[in-house]
C-alpha atoms as a PDB file:
ATOM      1  CA  UNK A   1      43.896 -25.790 -43.108  1.00  0.00           C
ATOM      2  CA  UNK A   2      45.018 -22.627 -44.861  1.00  0.00           C
ATOM      3  CA  UNK A   3      46.865 -24.890 -47.377  1.00  0.00           C
ATOM      4  CA  UNK A   4      43.904 -26.944 -47.963  1.00  0.00           C
ATOM      5  CA  UNK A   5      41.702 -23.972 -48.644  1.00  0.00           C
ATOM      6  CA  UNK A   6      44.387 -22.655 -51.005  1.00  0.00           C
ATOM      7  CA  UNK A   7      44.050 -25.647 -53.085  1.00  0.00           C
ATOM      8  CA  UNK A   8      40.141 -25.352 -52.987  1.00  0.00           C
ATOM      9  CA  UNK A   9      40.485 -21.713 -54.109  1.00  0.00           C
ATOM     10  CA  UNK A  10      42.570 -18.759 -53.532  1.00  0.00           C
ATOM     11  CA  UNK A  11      39.667 -16.799 -52.581  1.00  0.00           C
ATOM     12  CA  UNK A  12      38.737 -19.106 -49.640  1.00  0.00           C
ATOM     13  CA  UNK A  13      42.526 -19.003 -48.549  1.00  0.00           C
ATOM     14  CA  UNK A  14      42.274 -15.264 -48.405  1.00  0.00           C
ATOM     15  CA  UNK A  15      39.074 -15.197 -46.521  1.00  0.00           C
ATOM     16  CA  UNK A  16      40.475 -17.683 -43.862  1.00  0.00           C
ATOM     17  CA  UNK A  17      43.787 -15.493 -43.617  1.00  0.00           C
ATOM     18  CA  UNK A  18      41.746 -12.419 -43.162  1.00  0.00           C
ATOM     19  CA  UNK A  19      39.655 -14.096 -40.542  1.00  0.00           C
ATOM     20  CA  UNK A  20      42.358 -15.379 -38.380  1.00  0.00           C
ATOM     21  CA  UNK A  21      44.501 -12.230 -38.543  1.00  0.00           C
ATOM     22  CA  UNK A  22      41.811  -9.721 -38.175  1.00  0.00           C
ATOM     23  CA  UNK A  23      38.951 -11.255 -36.014  1.00  0.00           C
ATOM     24  CA  UNK A  24      36.360  -9.809 -38.347  1.00  0.00           C
ATOM     25  CA  UNK A  25      33.031 -11.674 -38.550  1.00  0.00           C
ATOM     26  CA  UNK A  26      32.598 -13.520 -41.799  1.00  0.00           C
ATOM     27  CA  UNK A  27      29.691 -11.229 -42.798  1.00  0.00           C
ATOM     28  CA  UNK A  28      32.239  -8.346 -42.581  1.00  0.00           C
ATOM     29  CA  UNK A  29      34.913 -10.297 -44.453  1.00  0.00           C
ATOM     30  CA  UNK A  30      32.525 -11.148 -47.242  1.00  0.00           C
ATOM     31  CA  UNK A  31      31.588  -7.306 -47.752  1.00  0.00           C
ATOM     32  CA  UNK A  32      35.285  -6.441 -48.468  1.00  0.00           C
ATOM     33  CA  UNK A  33      36.339  -5.322 -51.697  1.00  0.00           C
ATOM     34  CA  UNK A  34      39.789  -5.136 -53.364  1.00  0.00           C
ATOM     35  CA  UNK A  35      39.897  -1.479 -52.818  1.00  0.00           C
ATOM     36  CA  UNK A  36      39.581  -1.915 -48.890  1.00  0.00           C
ATOM     37  CA  UNK A  37      42.804  -3.951 -48.744  1.00  0.00           C
ATOM     38  CA  UNK A  38      44.971  -3.143 -51.661  1.00  0.00           C
ATOM     39  CA  UNK A  39      48.168  -1.219 -50.397  1.00  0.00           C
ATOM     40  CA  UNK A  40      46.630  -0.601 -47.105  1.00  0.00           C
ATOM     41  CA  UNK A  41      48.166  -0.847 -43.693  1.00  0.00           C
ATOM     42  CA  UNK A  42      44.945  -1.667 -41.970  1.00  0.00           C
ATOM     43  CA  UNK A  43      41.381  -2.678 -42.689  1.00  0.00           C
ATOM     44  CA  UNK A  44      38.790  -0.041 -41.897  1.00  0.00           C
ATOM     45  CA  UNK A  45      35.182  -1.415 -41.738  1.00  0.00           C
ATOM     46  CA  UNK A  46      31.939  -0.503 -40.362  1.00  0.00           C
ATOM     47  CA  UNK A  47      30.726  -3.691 -38.733  1.00  0.00           C
ATOM     48  CA  UNK A  48      27.476  -4.961 -40.031  1.00  0.00           C
ATOM     49  CA  UNK A  49      26.287  -6.487 -36.638  1.00  0.00           C
ATOM     50  CA  UNK A  50      27.234  -3.600 -34.402  1.00  0.00           C
ATOM     51  CA  UNK A  51      27.429  -0.672 -36.746  1.00  0.00           C
ATOM     52  CA  UNK A  52      30.685   0.503 -35.182  1.00  0.00           C
ATOM     53  CA  UNK A  53      33.602   1.461 -37.121  1.00  0.00           C
ATOM     54  CA  UNK A  54      36.703  -0.786 -36.586  1.00  0.00           C
ATOM     55  CA  UNK A  55      40.317  -0.646 -37.546  1.00  0.00           C
ATOM     56  CA  UNK A  56      42.217  -3.828 -37.944  1.00  0.00           C
ATOM     57  CA  UNK A  57      46.021  -3.727 -38.633  1.00  0.00           C
ATOM     58  CA  UNK A  58      47.334  -5.993 -41.357  1.00  0.00           C
ATOM     59  CA  UNK A  59      50.372  -7.929 -40.369  1.00  0.00           C
ATOM     60  CA  UNK A  60      53.229  -8.736 -42.817  1.00  0.00           C
ATOM     61  CA  UNK A  61      51.907 -12.292 -43.509  1.00  0.00           C
ATOM     62  CA  UNK A  62      48.468 -11.083 -44.417  1.00  0.00           C
ATOM     63  CA  UNK A  63      49.822  -8.277 -46.461  1.00  0.00           C
ATOM     64  CA  UNK A  64      51.961 -10.547 -48.485  1.00  0.00           C
ATOM     65  CA  UNK A  65      48.860 -12.739 -49.172  1.00  0.00           C
ATOM     66  CA  UNK A  66      46.557  -9.823 -49.978  1.00  0.00           C
ATOM     67  CA  UNK A  67      49.298  -7.974 -52.329  1.00  0.00           C
ATOM     68  CA  UNK A  68      49.513 -11.216 -54.337  1.00  0.00           C
ATOM     69  CA  UNK A  69      45.850 -12.007 -54.399  1.00  0.00           C
ATOM     70  CA  UNK A  70      45.065  -8.444 -55.561  1.00  0.00           C
ATOM     71  CA  UNK A  71      47.199  -8.163 -58.311  1.00  0.00           C
ATOM     72  CA  UNK A  72      45.370  -7.791 -61.624  1.00  0.00           C
ATOM     73  CA  UNK A  73      41.960  -7.444 -59.876  1.00  0.00           C
ATOM     74  CA  UNK A  74      39.739  -4.312 -60.228  1.00  0.00           C
ATOM     75  CA  UNK A  75      39.128  -2.304 -57.040  1.00  0.00           C
ATOM     76  CA  UNK A  76      35.438  -2.933 -57.075  1.00  0.00           C
ATOM     77  CA  UNK A  77      35.759  -6.746 -57.140  1.00  0.00           C
ATOM     78  CA  UNK A  78      34.855  -8.550 -54.011  1.00  0.00           C
ATOM     79  CA  UNK A  79      37.636 -10.393 -52.061  1.00  0.00           C
ATOM     80  CA  UNK A  80      35.531 -13.579 -52.124  1.00  0.00           C
ATOM     81  CA  UNK A  81      33.495 -13.297 -55.303  1.00  0.00           C
ATOM     82  CA  UNK A  82      30.514 -15.674 -55.964  1.00  0.00           C
ATOM     83  CA  UNK A  83      31.114 -17.755 -59.051  1.00  0.00           C
ATOM     84  CA  UNK A  84      27.312 -17.635 -59.748  1.00  0.00           C
ATOM     85  CA  UNK A  85      26.428 -14.037 -59.429  1.00  0.00           C
ATOM     86  CA  UNK A  86      27.974 -11.206 -61.114  1.00  0.00           C
ATOM     87  CA  UNK A  87      29.671  -8.567 -58.647  1.00  0.00           C
ATOM     88  CA  UNK A  88      28.564 -10.386 -55.413  1.00  0.00           C
ATOM     89  CA  UNK A  89      30.378 -12.196 -52.646  1.00  0.00           C
ATOM     90  CA  UNK A  90      29.826 -15.818 -51.644  1.00  0.00           C
ATOM     91  CA  UNK A  91      27.002 -16.095 -49.123  1.00  0.00           C
ATOM     92  CA  UNK A  92      27.791 -16.449 -45.456  1.00  0.00           C
ATOM     93  CA  UNK A  93      26.173 -20.074 -45.701  1.00  0.00           C
ATOM     94  CA  UNK A  94      28.698 -21.109 -48.527  1.00  0.00           C
ATOM     95  CA  UNK A  95      31.498 -19.620 -46.455  1.00  0.00           C
ATOM     96  CA  UNK A  96      30.551 -21.766 -43.724  1.00  0.00           C
ATOM     97  CA  UNK A  97      30.279 -24.878 -45.917  1.00  0.00           C
ATOM     98  CA  UNK A  98      33.833 -24.234 -47.191  1.00  0.00           C
ATOM     99  CA  UNK A  99      35.200 -23.905 -43.745  1.00  0.00           C
ATOM    100  CA  UNK A 100      33.166 -26.840 -42.377  1.00  0.00           C
ATOM    101  CA  UNK A 101      34.476 -29.097 -45.315  1.00  0.00           C
ATOM    102  CA  UNK A 102      37.820 -28.130 -44.663  1.00  0.00           C
ATOM    103  CA  UNK A 103      37.551 -29.209 -41.041  1.00  0.00           C
ATOM    104  CA  UNK A 104      35.897 -32.396 -41.975  1.00  0.00           C
ATOM    105  CA  UNK A 105      38.868 -33.114 -44.326  1.00  0.00           C
ATOM    106  CA  UNK A 106      41.076 -33.041 -41.164  1.00  0.00           C
ATOM    107  CA  UNK A 107      38.612 -34.908 -38.908  1.00  0.00           C
ATOM    108  CA  UNK A 108      37.434 -31.875 -37.379  1.00  0.00           C
ATOM    109  CA  UNK A 109      33.678 -31.826 -37.403  1.00  0.00           C
ATOM    110  CA  UNK A 110      32.840 -28.593 -35.577  1.00  0.00           C
ATOM    111  CA  UNK A 111      34.777 -26.043 -37.658  1.00  0.00           C
ATOM    112  CA  UNK A 112      32.664 -23.218 -38.994  1.00  0.00           C
ATOM    113  CA  UNK A 113      33.202 -19.462 -40.029  1.00  0.00           C
ATOM    114  CA  UNK A 114      33.180 -18.373 -36.390  1.00  0.00           C
ATOM    115  CA  UNK A 115      36.286 -20.458 -35.792  1.00  0.00           C
ATOM    116  CA  UNK A 116      38.411 -17.923 -37.713  1.00  0.00           C
ATOM    117  CA  UNK A 117      37.313 -15.198 -35.197  1.00  0.00           C
ATOM    118  CA  UNK A 118      37.989 -17.550 -32.081  1.00  0.00           C
ATOM    119  CA  UNK A 119      41.354 -18.458 -33.527  1.00  0.00           C
ATOM    120  CA  UNK A 120      42.239 -14.742 -33.684  1.00  0.00           C
ATOM    121  CA  UNK A 121      40.926 -14.216 -30.091  1.00  0.00           C
ATOM    122  CA  UNK A 122      43.034 -17.344 -28.915  1.00  0.00           C
ATOM    123  CA  UNK A 123      46.287 -16.135 -30.314  1.00  0.00           C
ATOM    124  CA  UNK A 124      45.605 -12.599 -29.251  1.00  0.00           C
ATOM    125  CA  UNK A 125      45.154 -13.641 -25.607  1.00  0.00           C
ATOM    126  CA  UNK A 126      48.250 -15.949 -25.722  1.00  0.00           C
ATOM    127  CA  UNK A 127      50.369 -13.178 -26.800  1.00  0.00           C
ATOM    128  CA  UNK A 128      49.146 -10.392 -24.653  1.00  0.00           C
ATOM    129  CA  UNK A 129      47.229 -12.193 -21.676  1.00  0.00           C
ATOM    130  CA  UNK A 130      45.061  -9.097 -21.707  1.00  0.00           C
ATOM    131  CA  UNK A 131      41.310 -10.152 -22.382  1.00  0.00           C
ATOM    132  CA  UNK A 132      40.059  -6.616 -21.635  1.00  0.00           C
ATOM    133  CA  UNK A 133      42.166  -5.207 -24.616  1.00  0.00           C
ATOM    134  CA  UNK A 134      40.681  -7.893 -26.788  1.00  0.00           C
ATOM    135  CA  UNK A 135      37.223  -6.933 -25.833  1.00  0.00           C
ATOM    136  CA  UNK A 136      37.628  -3.182 -26.421  1.00  0.00           C
ATOM    137  CA  UNK A 137      35.607  -1.670 -29.262  1.00  0.00           C
END
């Protein structure tokens, strides 16, 4: 799916990679700007839904993707910019459509933006077997 999204557009690949490696909600991913990730070891964000400040470490694979993607971009640019509106991110609805269409291309009709968050949780639990740690704010 990551490779499929990369062909569809680098910004969608980056959105997907951030989602599966951070567990952030899509509404929070879409608010990220280049300055929030360039050269950073972690993503610091105040979650839109809960209002809580969260810190997510950036692993090596995600760091490589972000470094390559951010090269030549301005700090104020959104990570997933809209093609239609100047200095705005794509909408949550459009992000859902991109992920859903990727799933359909592979015969998976129930993929959506929350799938990225669930994938993160699945891998985190399999590595740690600690659901309580996953649930901690």
